[in-house]
Amino acid sequence: MNVTILAANGQIAHLVEERLLTEPTFKDIQLTLMLRHPERLSELNDNPRVTLLDGDLTNPTDVIQATKDADLIWSAVVDHDQTNRPTKNIIAAAKLNGVERVVETSLLGLYNEVPGE
């Protein structure tokens, strides 16, 4: 299975990435991680299951490219854009690329599930 995580450097994204890369249940999952500064995840450069992409969620071409081989898109972005371009681009890319499963997350700690936050 190919999973694309958008806004891959956030707190939620890190939790998801860690589980997908370390738990035996997910050993066959390939990850595409898109973020604006992929060097922030340079520790994953040598992982054969990970592809790092430099991209901007407000650029539809970047989102389409990042999700072209995805079976599942995981969006970990807080969409503060006045016109919701990131969310609209994700939905459009999913439709264009035939991705039927999209997971949308945005906040961690809303219900005090993160100790110390």
PDB file of N, CA and C in Angstrom:
ATOM      1  N   MET A   1       0.844  -1.173   0.000  1.00  0.00           N
ATOM      2  CA  MET A   1       0.000   0.000   0.000  1.00  0.00           C
ATOM      3  C   MET A   1       0.890   1.237   0.000  1.00  0.00           C
ATOM      4  N   ASN A   2       0.487   2.231  -0.772  1.00  0.00           N
ATOM      5  CA  ASN A   2       1.191   3.506  -0.836  1.00  0.00           C
ATOM      6  C   ASN A   2       0.394   4.563  -0.083  1.00  0.00           C
ATOM      7  N   VAL A   3       1.031   5.166   0.906  1.00  0.00           N
ATOM      8  CA  VAL A   3       0.399   6.205   1.709  1.00  0.00           C
ATOM      9  C   VAL A   3       1.161   7.505   1.485  1.00  0.00           C
ATOM     10  N   THR A   4       0.426   8.552   1.155  1.00  0.00           N
ATOM     11  CA  THR A   4       1.016   9.882   1.036  1.00  0.00           C
ATOM     12  C   THR A   4       0.586  10.702   2.240  1.00  0.00           C
ATOM     13  N   ILE A   5       1.556  11.268   2.937  1.00  0.00           N
ATOM     14  CA  ILE A   5       1.265  12.150   4.065  1.00  0.00           C
ATOM     15  C   ILE A   5       1.634  13.563   3.649  1.00  0.00           C
ATOM     16  N   LEU A   6       0.638  14.431   3.702  1.00  0.00           N
ATOM     17  CA  LEU A   6       0.820  15.831   3.328  1.00  0.00           C
ATOM     18  C   LEU A   6       1.000  16.666   4.588  1.00  0.00           C
ATOM     19  N   ALA A   7       1.862  17.672   4.518  1.00  0.00           N
ATOM     20  CA  ALA A   7       2.271  18.444   5.700  1.00  0.00           C
ATOM     21  C   ALA A   7       2.959  17.490   6.674  1.00  0.00           C
ATOM     22  N   ALA A   8       3.930  16.777   6.148  1.00  0.00           N
ATOM     23  CA  ALA A   8       4.528  15.625   6.822  1.00  0.00           C
ATOM     24  C   ALA A   8       5.462  15.948   7.975  1.00  0.00           C
ATOM     25  N   ASN A   9       5.620  17.213   8.313  1.00  0.00           N
ATOM     26  CA  ASN A   9       6.524  17.547   9.408  1.00  0.00           C
ATOM     27  C   ASN A   9       5.795  17.958  10.680  1.00  0.00           C
ATOM     28  N   GLY A  10       4.492  17.840  10.711  1.00  0.00           N
ATOM     29  CA  GLY A  10       3.727  18.228  11.889  1.00  0.00           C
ATOM     30  C   GLY A  10       3.723  17.160  12.967  1.00  0.00           C
ATOM     31  N   GLN A  11       3.182  17.522  14.110  1.00  0.00           N
ATOM     32  CA  GLN A  11       3.158  16.629  15.269  1.00  0.00           C
ATOM     33  C   GLN A  11       2.358  15.355  14.990  1.00  0.00           C
ATOM     34  N   ILE A  12       1.179  15.498  14.409  1.00  0.00           N
ATOM     35  CA  ILE A  12       0.364  14.322  14.096  1.00  0.00           C
ATOM     36  C   ILE A  12       1.057  13.478  13.036  1.00  0.00           C
ATOM     37  N   ALA A  13       1.581  14.126  12.011  1.00  0.00           N
ATOM     38  CA  ALA A  13       2.271  13.397  10.946  1.00  0.00           C
ATOM     39  C   ALA A  13       3.421  12.570  11.500  1.00  0.00           C
ATOM     40  N   HIS A  14       4.191  13.134  12.420  1.00  0.00           N
ATOM     41  CA  HIS A  14       5.308  12.388  13.014  1.00  0.00           C
ATOM     42  C   HIS A  14       4.823  11.141  13.747  1.00  0.00           C
ATOM     43  N   LEU A  15       3.732  11.253  14.465  1.00  0.00           N
ATOM     44  CA  LEU A  15       3.182  10.084  15.165  1.00  0.00           C
ATOM     45  C   LEU A  15       2.769   8.998  14.174  1.00  0.00           C
ATOM     46  N   VAL A  16       2.109   9.399  13.109  1.00  0.00           N
ATOM     47  CA  VAL A  16       1.662   8.439  12.093  1.00  0.00           C
ATOM     48  C   VAL A  16       2.866   7.811  11.397  1.00  0.00           C
ATOM     49  N   GLU A  17       3.821   8.627  10.991  1.00  0.00           N
ATOM     50  CA  GLU A  17       5.016   8.120  10.311  1.00  0.00           C
ATOM     51  C   GLU A  17       5.765   7.116  11.181  1.00  0.00           C
ATOM     52  N   GLU A  18       5.935   7.448  12.443  1.00  0.00           N
ATOM     53  CA  GLU A  18       6.665   6.551  13.347  1.00  0.00           C
ATOM     54  C   GLU A  18       5.988   5.188  13.437  1.00  0.00           C
ATOM     55  N   ARG A  19       4.680   5.198  13.592  1.00  0.00           N
ATOM     56  CA  ARG A  19       3.959   3.915  13.686  1.00  0.00           C
ATOM     57  C   ARG A  19       4.056   3.133  12.383  1.00  0.00           C
ATOM     58  N   LEU A  20       3.856   3.815  11.269  1.00  0.00           N
ATOM     59  CA  LEU A  20       3.887   3.124   9.983  1.00  0.00           C
ATOM     60  C   LEU A  20       5.266   2.549   9.674  1.00  0.00           C
ATOM     61  N   LEU A  21       6.305   3.195  10.154  1.00  0.00           N
ATOM     62  CA  LEU A  21       7.663   2.738   9.855  1.00  0.00           C
ATOM     63  C   LEU A  21       8.229   1.759  10.877  1.00  0.00           C
ATOM     64  N   THR A  22       7.624   1.642  12.048  1.00  0.00           N
ATOM     65  CA  THR A  22       8.217   0.783  13.077  1.00  0.00           C
ATOM     66  C   THR A  22       7.381  -0.433  13.447  1.00  0.00           C
ATOM     67  N   GLU A  23       6.088  -0.378  13.249  1.00  0.00           N
ATOM     68  CA  GLU A  23       5.254  -1.507  13.656  1.00  0.00           C
ATOM     69  C   GLU A  23       5.195  -2.559  12.549  1.00  0.00           C
ATOM     70  N   PRO A  24       5.431  -3.820  12.904  1.00  0.00           N
ATOM     71  CA  PRO A  24       5.455  -4.896  11.914  1.00  0.00           C
ATOM     72  C   PRO A  24       4.183  -4.999  11.067  1.00  0.00           C
ATOM     73  N   THR A  25       3.058  -4.629  11.621  1.00  0.00           N
ATOM     74  CA  THR A  25       1.792  -4.687  10.890  1.00  0.00           C
ATOM     75  C   THR A  25       1.858  -3.866   9.606  1.00  0.00           C
ATOM     76  N   PHE A  26       2.645  -2.804   9.606  1.00  0.00           N
ATOM     77  CA  PHE A  26       2.684  -1.867   8.481  1.00  0.00           C
ATOM     78  C   PHE A  26       3.940  -2.015   7.624  1.00  0.00           C
ATOM     79  N   LYS A  27       4.627  -3.144   7.715  1.00  0.00           N
ATOM     80  CA  LYS A  27       5.920  -3.314   7.053  1.00  0.00           C
ATOM     81  C   LYS A  27       5.873  -3.199   5.536  1.00  0.00           C
ATOM     82  N   ASP A  28       4.703  -3.395   4.933  1.00  0.00           N
ATOM     83  CA  ASP A  28       4.592  -3.334   3.475  1.00  0.00           C
ATOM     84  C   ASP A  28       4.136  -1.970   2.964  1.00  0.00           C
ATOM     85  N   ILE A  29       3.981  -1.015   3.843  1.00  0.00           N
ATOM     86  CA  ILE A  29       3.528   0.315   3.435  1.00  0.00           C
ATOM     87  C   ILE A  29       4.714   1.150   2.958  1.00  0.00           C
ATOM     88  N   GLN A  30       4.525   1.770   1.804  1.00  0.00           N
ATOM     89  CA  GLN A  30       5.480   2.731   1.257  1.00  0.00           C
ATOM     90  C   GLN A  30       4.950   4.129   1.555  1.00  0.00           C
ATOM     91  N   LEU A  31       5.817   5.022   1.986  1.00  0.00           N
ATOM     92  CA  LEU A  31       5.397   6.376   2.351  1.00  0.00           C
ATOM     93  C   LEU A  31       5.953   7.417   1.389  1.00  0.00           C
ATOM     94  N   THR A  32       5.080   8.316   0.968  1.00  0.00           N
ATOM     95  CA  THR A  32       5.492   9.536   0.287  1.00  0.00           C
ATOM     96  C   THR A  32       5.165  10.667   1.244  1.00  0.00           C
ATOM     97  N   LEU A  33       6.181  11.423   1.610  1.00  0.00           N
ATOM     98  CA  LEU A  33       6.013  12.497   2.586  1.00  0.00           C
ATOM     99  C   LEU A  33       6.271  13.832   1.902  1.00  0.00           C
ATOM    100  N   MET A  34       5.228  14.668   1.828  1.00  0.00           N
ATOM    101  CA  MET A  34       5.374  15.977   1.206  1.00  0.00           C
ATOM    102  C   MET A  34       5.374  17.058   2.277  1.00  0.00           C
ATOM    103  N   LEU A  35       6.352  17.940   2.182  1.00  0.00           N
ATOM    104  CA  LEU A  35       6.448  19.075   3.085  1.00  0.00           C
ATOM    105  C   LEU A  35       7.246  20.171   2.393  1.00  0.00           C
ATOM    106  N   ARG A  36       7.152  21.371   2.918  1.00  0.00           N
ATOM    107  CA  ARG A  36       7.827  22.503   2.271  1.00  0.00           C
ATOM    108  C   ARG A  36       9.346  22.450   2.387  1.00  0.00           C
ATOM    109  N   HIS A  37       9.856  21.842   3.393  1.00  0.00           N
ATOM    110  CA  HIS A  37      11.311  21.764   3.576  1.00  0.00           C
ATOM    111  C   HIS A  37      11.682  20.319   3.920  1.00  0.00           C
ATOM    112  N   PRO A  38      11.835  19.459   2.904  1.00  0.00           N
ATOM    113  CA  PRO A  38      12.088  18.039   3.182  1.00  0.00           C
ATOM    114  C   PRO A  38      13.365  17.774   3.970  1.00  0.00           C
ATOM    115  N   GLU A  39      14.283  18.724   3.987  1.00  0.00           N
ATOM    116  CA  GLU A  39      15.504  18.527   4.774  1.00  0.00           C
ATOM    117  C   GLU A  39      15.190  18.389   6.263  1.00  0.00           C
ATOM    118  N   ARG A  40      14.006  18.827   6.670  1.00  0.00           N
ATOM    119  CA  ARG A  40      13.594  18.674   8.072  1.00  0.00           C
ATOM    120  C   ARG A  40      13.411  17.204   8.453  1.00  0.00           C
ATOM    121  N   LEU A  41      13.230  16.360   7.456  1.00  0.00           N
ATOM    122  CA  LEU A  41      13.078  14.922   7.711  1.00  0.00           C
ATOM    123  C   LEU A  41      14.258  14.148   7.122  1.00  0.00           C
ATOM    124  N   SER A  42      15.420  14.762   7.116  1.00  0.00           N
ATOM    125  CA  SER A  42      16.596  14.147   6.492  1.00  0.00           C
ATOM    126  C   SER A  42      16.964  12.802   7.114  1.00  0.00           C
ATOM    127  N   GLU A  43      16.545  12.566   8.351  1.00  0.00           N
ATOM    128  CA  GLU A  43      16.835  11.267   8.981  1.00  0.00           C
ATOM    129  C   GLU A  43      16.142  10.116   8.255  1.00  0.00           C
ATOM    130  N   LEU A  44      15.167  10.437   7.397  1.00  0.00           N
ATOM    131  CA  LEU A  44      14.452   9.402   6.642  1.00  0.00           C
ATOM    132  C   LEU A  44      14.988   9.236   5.224  1.00  0.00           C
ATOM    133  N   ASN A  45      15.994  10.014   4.842  1.00  0.00           N
ATOM    134  CA  ASN A  45      16.540   9.969   3.479  1.00  0.00           C
ATOM    135  C   ASN A  45      16.957   8.577   3.038  1.00  0.00           C
ATOM    136  N   ASP A  46      17.542   7.812   3.927  1.00  0.00           N
ATOM    137  CA  ASP A  46      18.074   6.500   3.565  1.00  0.00           C
ATOM    138  C   ASP A  46      17.088   5.364   3.767  1.00  0.00           C
ATOM    139  N   ASN A  47      15.876   5.680   4.175  1.00  0.00           N
ATOM    140  CA  ASN A  47      14.873   4.635   4.384  1.00  0.00           C
ATOM    141  C   ASN A  47      14.278   4.256   3.029  1.00  0.00           C
ATOM    142  N   PRO A  48      14.423   2.995   2.611  1.00  0.00           N
ATOM    143  CA  PRO A  48      13.928   2.590   1.288  1.00  0.00           C
ATOM    144  C   PRO A  48      12.405   2.639   1.157  1.00  0.00           C
ATOM    145  N   ARG A  49      11.698   2.759   2.259  1.00  0.00           N
ATOM    146  CA  ARG A  49      10.233   2.817   2.220  1.00  0.00           C
ATOM    147  C   ARG A  49       9.707   4.241   2.149  1.00  0.00           C
ATOM    148  N   VAL A  50      10.603   5.227   2.134  1.00  0.00           N
ATOM    149  CA  VAL A  50      10.189   6.630   2.216  1.00  0.00           C
ATOM    150  C   VAL A  50      10.676   7.416   1.001  1.00  0.00           C
ATOM    151  N   THR A  51       9.765   8.208   0.443  1.00  0.00           N
ATOM    152  CA  THR A  51      10.102   9.192  -0.581  1.00  0.00           C
ATOM    153  C   THR A  51       9.750  10.565  -0.021  1.00  0.00           C
ATOM    154  N   LEU A  52      10.729  11.453   0.021  1.00  0.00           N
ATOM    155  CA  LEU A  52      10.508  12.818   0.506  1.00  0.00           C
ATOM    156  C   LEU A  52      10.316  13.748  -0.685  1.00  0.00           C
ATOM    157  N   LEU A  53       9.262  14.565  -0.624  1.00  0.00           N
ATOM    158  CA  LEU A  53       8.979  15.516  -1.696  1.00  0.00           C
ATOM    159  C   LEU A  53       8.878  16.925  -1.144  1.00  0.00           C
ATOM    160  N   ASP A  54       9.475  17.859  -1.860  1.00  0.00           N
ATOM    161  CA  ASP A  54       9.335  19.275  -1.545  1.00  0.00           C
ATOM    162  C   ASP A  54       8.068  19.755  -2.233  1.00  0.00           C
ATOM    163  N   GLY A  55       7.127  20.279  -1.462  1.00  0.00           N
ATOM    164  CA  GLY A  55       5.886  20.719  -2.076  1.00  0.00           C
ATOM    165  C   GLY A  55       5.108  21.662  -1.192  1.00  0.00           C
ATOM    166  N   ASP A  56       4.179  22.363  -1.826  1.00  0.00           N
ATOM    167  CA  ASP A  56       3.342  23.354  -1.158  1.00  0.00           C
ATOM    168  C   ASP A  56       1.884  22.985  -1.403  1.00  0.00           C
ATOM    169  N   LEU A  57       1.116  22.850  -0.346  1.00  0.00           N
ATOM    170  CA  LEU A  57      -0.288  22.442  -0.479  1.00  0.00           C
ATOM    171  C   LEU A  57      -1.153  23.481  -1.180  1.00  0.00           C
ATOM    172  N   THR A  58      -0.679  24.710  -1.292  1.00  0.00           N
ATOM    173  CA  THR A  58      -1.451  25.710  -2.029  1.00  0.00           C
ATOM    174  C   THR A  58      -1.174  25.638  -3.531  1.00  0.00           C
ATOM    175  N   ASN A  59      -0.235  24.796  -3.935  1.00  0.00           N
ATOM    176  CA  ASN A  59       0.086  24.597  -5.347  1.00  0.00           C
ATOM    177  C   ASN A  59      -0.547  23.286  -5.810  1.00  0.00           C
ATOM    178  N   PRO A  60      -1.598  23.346  -6.635  1.00  0.00           N
ATOM    179  CA  PRO A  60      -2.290  22.119  -7.044  1.00  0.00           C
ATOM    180  C   PRO A  60      -1.381  21.108  -7.735  1.00  0.00           C
ATOM    181  N   THR A  61      -0.417  21.572  -8.513  1.00  0.00           N
ATOM    182  CA  THR A  61       0.496  20.664  -9.212  1.00  0.00           C
ATOM    183  C   THR A  61       1.312  19.842  -8.220  1.00  0.00           C
ATOM    184  N   ASP A  62       1.781  20.472  -7.149  1.00  0.00           N
ATOM    185  CA  ASP A  62       2.546  19.753  -6.126  1.00  0.00           C
ATOM    186  C   ASP A  62       1.702  18.655  -5.481  1.00  0.00           C
ATOM    187  N   VAL A  63       0.453  18.971  -5.179  1.00  0.00           N
ATOM    188  CA  VAL A  63      -0.426  18.003  -4.505  1.00  0.00           C
ATOM    189  C   VAL A  63      -0.761  16.850  -5.451  1.00  0.00           C
ATOM    190  N   ILE A  64      -1.037  17.160  -6.695  1.00  0.00           N
ATOM    191  CA  ILE A  64      -1.331  16.112  -7.685  1.00  0.00           C
ATOM    192  C   ILE A  64      -0.133  15.180  -7.828  1.00  0.00           C
ATOM    193  N   GLN A  65       1.063  15.748  -7.955  1.00  0.00           N
ATOM    194  CA  GLN A  65       2.278  14.940  -8.102  1.00  0.00           C
ATOM    195  C   GLN A  65       2.517  14.063  -6.869  1.00  0.00           C
ATOM    196  N   ALA A  66       2.338  14.625  -5.685  1.00  0.00           N
ATOM    197  CA  ALA A  66       2.598  13.883  -4.444  1.00  0.00           C
ATOM    198  C   ALA A  66       1.634  12.726  -4.250  1.00  0.00           C
ATOM    199  N   THR A  67       0.434  12.832  -4.787  1.00  0.00           N
ATOM    200  CA  THR A  67      -0.604  11.822  -4.541  1.00  0.00           C
ATOM    201  C   THR A  67      -0.837  10.891  -5.724  1.00  0.00           C
ATOM    202  N   LYS A  68      -0.029  10.987  -6.773  1.00  0.00           N
ATOM    203  CA  LYS A  68      -0.309  10.236  -8.003  1.00  0.00           C
ATOM    204  C   LYS A  68      -0.294   8.720  -7.825  1.00  0.00           C
ATOM    205  N   ASP A  69       0.487   8.199  -6.919  1.00  0.00           N
ATOM    206  CA  ASP A  69       0.548   6.745  -6.712  1.00  0.00           C
ATOM    207  C   ASP A  69      -0.071   6.310  -5.390  1.00  0.00           C
ATOM    208  N   ALA A  70      -0.791   7.206  -4.747  1.00  0.00           N
ATOM    209  CA  ALA A  70      -1.313   6.931  -3.401  1.00  0.00           C
ATOM    210  C   ALA A  70      -2.535   6.015  -3.425  1.00  0.00           C
ATOM    211  N   ASP A  71      -2.581   5.131  -2.437  1.00  0.00           N
ATOM    212  CA  ASP A  71      -3.793   4.362  -2.145  1.00  0.00           C
ATOM    213  C   ASP A  71      -4.583   5.067  -1.048  1.00  0.00           C
ATOM    214  N   LEU A  72      -3.867   5.851  -0.243  1.00  0.00           N
ATOM    215  CA  LEU A  72      -4.474   6.604   0.847  1.00  0.00           C
ATOM    216  C   LEU A  72      -3.712   7.912   1.004  1.00  0.00           C
ATOM    217  N   ILE A  73      -4.458   8.998   1.182  1.00  0.00           N
ATOM    218  CA  ILE A  73      -3.860  10.307   1.453  1.00  0.00           C
ATOM    219  C   ILE A  73      -4.156  10.652   2.907  1.00  0.00           C
ATOM    220  N   TRP A  74      -3.110  11.012   3.633  1.00  0.00           N
ATOM    221  CA  TRP A  74      -3.269  11.466   5.014  1.00  0.00           C
ATOM    222  C   TRP A  74      -2.872  12.940   5.033  1.00  0.00           C
ATOM    223  N   SER A  75      -3.823  13.794   5.310  1.00  0.00           N
ATOM    224  CA  SER A  75      -3.554  15.226   5.384  1.00  0.00           C
ATOM    225  C   SER A  75      -3.430  15.628   6.843  1.00  0.00           C
ATOM    226  N   ALA A  76      -2.281  16.177   7.184  1.00  0.00           N
ATOM    227  CA  ALA A  76      -2.028  16.593   8.564  1.00  0.00           C
ATOM    228  C   ALA A  76      -1.863  18.108   8.631  1.00  0.00           C
ATOM    229  N   VAL A  77      -2.633  18.813   7.822  1.00  0.00           N
ATOM    230  CA  VAL A  77      -2.488  20.264   7.718  1.00  0.00           C
ATOM    231  C   VAL A  77      -3.601  20.983   8.476  1.00  0.00           C
ATOM    232  N   VAL A  78      -3.246  22.095   9.087  1.00  0.00           N
ATOM    233  CA  VAL A  78      -4.248  23.014   9.616  1.00  0.00           C
ATOM    234  C   VAL A  78      -4.433  24.060   8.523  1.00  0.00           C
ATOM    235  N   ASP A  79      -5.589  24.048   7.872  1.00  0.00           N
ATOM    236  CA  ASP A  79      -5.840  24.908   6.715  1.00  0.00           C
ATOM    237  C   ASP A  79      -6.307  26.287   7.180  1.00  0.00           C
ATOM    238  N   HIS A  80      -5.366  27.224   7.232  1.00  0.00           N
ATOM    239  CA  HIS A  80      -5.670  28.599   7.645  1.00  0.00           C
ATOM    240  C   HIS A  80      -5.932  29.510   6.447  1.00  0.00           C
ATOM    241  N   ASP A  81      -5.863  28.957   5.252  1.00  0.00           N
ATOM    242  CA  ASP A  81      -6.028  29.750   4.043  1.00  0.00           C
ATOM    243  C   ASP A  81      -7.450  30.304   3.953  1.00  0.00           C
ATOM    244  N   GLN A  82      -7.586  31.572   3.593  1.00  0.00           N
ATOM    245  CA  GLN A  82      -8.903  32.224   3.511  1.00  0.00           C
ATOM    246  C   GLN A  82      -9.867  31.482   2.589  1.00  0.00           C
ATOM    247  N   THR A  83      -9.339  30.889   1.520  1.00  0.00           N
ATOM    248  CA  THR A  83     -10.205  30.197   0.553  1.00  0.00           C
ATOM    249  C   THR A  83     -10.055  28.683   0.614  1.00  0.00           C
ATOM    250  N   ASN A  84      -9.376  28.197   1.633  1.00  0.00           N
ATOM    251  CA  ASN A  84      -9.180  26.752   1.834  1.00  0.00           C
ATOM    252  C   ASN A  84      -8.505  26.064   0.651  1.00  0.00           C
ATOM    253  N   ARG A  85      -7.533  26.730   0.046  1.00  0.00           N
ATOM    254  CA  ARG A  85      -6.824  26.139  -1.096  1.00  0.00           C
ATOM    255  C   ARG A  85      -6.203  24.786  -0.782  1.00  0.00           C
ATOM    256  N   PRO A  86      -5.518  24.607   0.352  1.00  0.00           N
ATOM    257  CA  PRO A  86      -4.946  23.284   0.605  1.00  0.00           C
ATOM    258  C   PRO A  86      -5.998  22.172   0.592  1.00  0.00           C
ATOM    259  N   THR A  87      -7.091  22.375   1.298  1.00  0.00           N
ATOM    260  CA  THR A  87      -8.135  21.345   1.358  1.00  0.00           C
ATOM    261  C   THR A  87      -8.736  21.105  -0.018  1.00  0.00           C
ATOM    262  N   LYS A  88      -9.018  22.160  -0.744  1.00  0.00           N
ATOM    263  CA  LYS A  88      -9.576  22.015  -2.097  1.00  0.00           C
ATOM    264  C   LYS A  88      -8.599  21.300  -3.022  1.00  0.00           C
ATOM    265  N   ASN A  89      -7.314  21.616  -2.912  1.00  0.00           N
ATOM    266  CA  ASN A  89      -6.308  20.958  -3.747  1.00  0.00           C
ATOM    267  C   ASN A  89      -6.186  19.475  -3.422  1.00  0.00           C
ATOM    268  N   ILE A  90      -6.290  19.130  -2.155  1.00  0.00           N
ATOM    269  CA  ILE A  90      -6.211  17.719  -1.749  1.00  0.00           C
ATOM    270  C   ILE A  90      -7.395  16.944  -2.313  1.00  0.00           C
ATOM    271  N   ILE A  91      -8.586  17.492  -2.190  1.00  0.00           N
ATOM    272  CA  ILE A  91      -9.787  16.821  -2.709  1.00  0.00           C
ATOM    273  C   ILE A  91      -9.703  16.681  -4.222  1.00  0.00           C
ATOM    274  N   ALA A  92      -9.289  17.742  -4.908  1.00  0.00           N
ATOM    275  CA  ALA A  92      -9.175  17.691  -6.369  1.00  0.00           C
ATOM    276  C   ALA A  92      -8.132  16.666  -6.804  1.00  0.00           C
ATOM    277  N   ALA A  93      -6.995  16.624  -6.117  1.00  0.00           N
ATOM    278  CA  ALA A  93      -5.942  15.663  -6.459  1.00  0.00           C
ATOM    279  C   ALA A  93      -6.407  14.233  -6.218  1.00  0.00           C
ATOM    280  N   ALA A  94      -7.116  14.016  -5.126  1.00  0.00           N
ATOM    281  CA  ALA A  94      -7.641  12.672  -4.838  1.00  0.00           C
ATOM    282  C   ALA A  94      -8.578  12.224  -5.955  1.00  0.00           C
ATOM    283  N   LYS A  95      -9.464  13.096  -6.374  1.00  0.00           N
ATOM    284  CA  LYS A  95     -10.391  12.757  -7.461  1.00  0.00           C
ATOM    285  C   LYS A  95      -9.634  12.484  -8.754  1.00  0.00           C
ATOM    286  N   LEU A  96      -8.724  13.369  -9.111  1.00  0.00           N
ATOM    287  CA  LEU A  96      -7.960  13.227 -10.349  1.00  0.00           C
ATOM    288  C   LEU A  96      -7.139  11.942 -10.370  1.00  0.00           C
ATOM    289  N   ASN A  97      -6.539  11.599  -9.234  1.00  0.00           N
ATOM    290  CA  ASN A  97      -5.676  10.419  -9.153  1.00  0.00           C
ATOM    291  C   ASN A  97      -6.412   9.147  -8.743  1.00  0.00           C
ATOM    292  N   GLY A  98      -7.720   9.235  -8.562  1.00  0.00           N
ATOM    293  CA  GLY A  98      -8.505   8.048  -8.222  1.00  0.00           C
ATOM    294  C   GLY A  98      -8.258   7.515  -6.822  1.00  0.00           C
ATOM    295  N   VAL A  99      -7.875   8.389  -5.910  1.00  0.00           N
ATOM    296  CA  VAL A  99      -7.637   7.976  -4.524  1.00  0.00           C
ATOM    297  C   VAL A  99      -8.964   8.054  -3.777  1.00  0.00           C
ATOM    298  N   GLU A 100      -9.421   6.920  -3.278  1.00  0.00           N
ATOM    299  CA  GLU A 100     -10.731   6.860  -2.632  1.00  0.00           C
ATOM    300  C   GLU A 100     -10.685   7.090  -1.127  1.00  0.00           C
ATOM    301  N   ARG A 101      -9.491   7.002  -0.536  1.00  0.00           N
ATOM    302  CA  ARG A 101      -9.387   7.150   0.919  1.00  0.00           C
ATOM    303  C   ARG A 101      -8.521   8.351   1.280  1.00  0.00           C
ATOM    304  N   VAL A 102      -9.149   9.290   1.989  1.00  0.00           N
ATOM    305  CA  VAL A 102      -8.452  10.486   2.458  1.00  0.00           C
ATOM    306  C   VAL A 102      -8.732  10.628   3.951  1.00  0.00           C
ATOM    307  N   VAL A 103      -7.667  10.764   4.725  1.00  0.00           N
ATOM    308  CA  VAL A 103      -7.784  10.996   6.164  1.00  0.00           C
ATOM    309  C   VAL A 103      -7.378  12.439   6.403  1.00  0.00           C
ATOM    310  N   GLU A 104      -8.229  13.181   7.076  1.00  0.00           N
ATOM    311  CA  GLU A 104      -7.971  14.597   7.365  1.00  0.00           C
ATOM    312  C   GLU A 104      -7.831  14.771   8.873  1.00  0.00           C
ATOM    313  N   THR A 105      -6.674  15.241   9.302  1.00  0.00           N
ATOM    314  CA  THR A 105      -6.451  15.560  10.714  1.00  0.00           C
ATOM    315  C   THR A 105      -5.877  16.964  10.784  1.00  0.00           C
ATOM    316  N   SER A 106      -6.096  17.634  11.905  1.00  0.00           N
ATOM    317  CA  SER A 106      -5.543  18.981  11.972  1.00  0.00           C
ATOM    318  C   SER A 106      -4.975  19.345  13.337  1.00  0.00           C
ATOM    319  N   LEU A 107      -5.596  18.918  14.411  1.00  0.00           N
ATOM    320  CA  LEU A 107      -5.152  19.347  15.735  1.00  0.00           C
ATOM    321  C   LEU A 107      -4.909  18.171  16.659  1.00  0.00           C
ATOM    322  N   LEU A 108      -3.906  18.326  17.482  1.00  0.00           N
ATOM    323  CA  LEU A 108      -3.592  17.345  18.503  1.00  0.00           C
ATOM    324  C   LEU A 108      -3.628  18.080  19.830  1.00  0.00           C
ATOM    325  N   GLY A 109      -4.305  17.524  20.812  1.00  0.00           N
ATOM    326  CA  GLY A 109      -4.350  18.140  22.125  1.00  0.00           C
ATOM    327  C   GLY A 109      -5.658  18.821  22.455  1.00  0.00           C
ATOM    328  N   LEU A 110      -6.615  18.759  21.551  1.00  0.00           N
ATOM    329  CA  LEU A 110      -7.900  19.414  21.765  1.00  0.00           C
ATOM    330  C   LEU A 110      -8.586  18.903  23.028  1.00  0.00           C
ATOM    331  N   TYR A 111      -8.457  17.617  23.286  1.00  0.00           N
ATOM    332  CA  TYR A 111      -9.093  17.008  24.459  1.00  0.00           C
ATOM    333  C   TYR A 111      -8.065  16.609  25.511  1.00  0.00           C
ATOM    334  N   ASN A 112      -6.950  17.326  25.545  1.00  0.00           N
ATOM    335  CA  ASN A 112      -5.881  17.091  26.518  1.00  0.00           C
ATOM    336  C   ASN A 112      -5.293  15.687  26.441  1.00  0.00           C
ATOM    337  N   GLU A 113      -5.279  15.111  25.233  1.00  0.00           N
ATOM    338  CA  GLU A 113      -4.707  13.778  25.088  1.00  0.00           C
ATOM    339  C   GLU A 113      -3.185  13.803  24.962  1.00  0.00           C
ATOM    340  N   VAL A 114      -2.613  14.992  24.886  1.00  0.00           N
ATOM    341  CA  VAL A 114      -1.167  15.125  24.818  1.00  0.00           C
ATOM    342  C   VAL A 114      -0.679  15.664  26.160  1.00  0.00           C
ATOM    343  N   PRO A 115       0.033  14.844  26.930  1.00  0.00           N
ATOM    344  CA  PRO A 115       0.500  15.295  28.242  1.00  0.00           C
ATOM    345  C   PRO A 115       1.354  16.556  28.129  1.00  0.00           C
ATOM    346  N   GLY A 116       1.083  17.517  28.996  1.00  0.00           N
ATOM    347  CA  GLY A 116       1.873  18.726  29.032  1.00  0.00           C
ATOM    348  C   GLY A 116       1.499  19.783  28.016  1.00  0.00           C
ATOM    349  N   GLU A 117       0.506  19.525  27.207  1.00  0.00           N
ATOM    350  CA  GLU A 117       0.097  20.506  26.178  1.00  0.00           C
ATOM    351  C   GLU A 117      -1.168  21.203  26.608  1.00  0.00           C
TER     352      GLU A 117
END
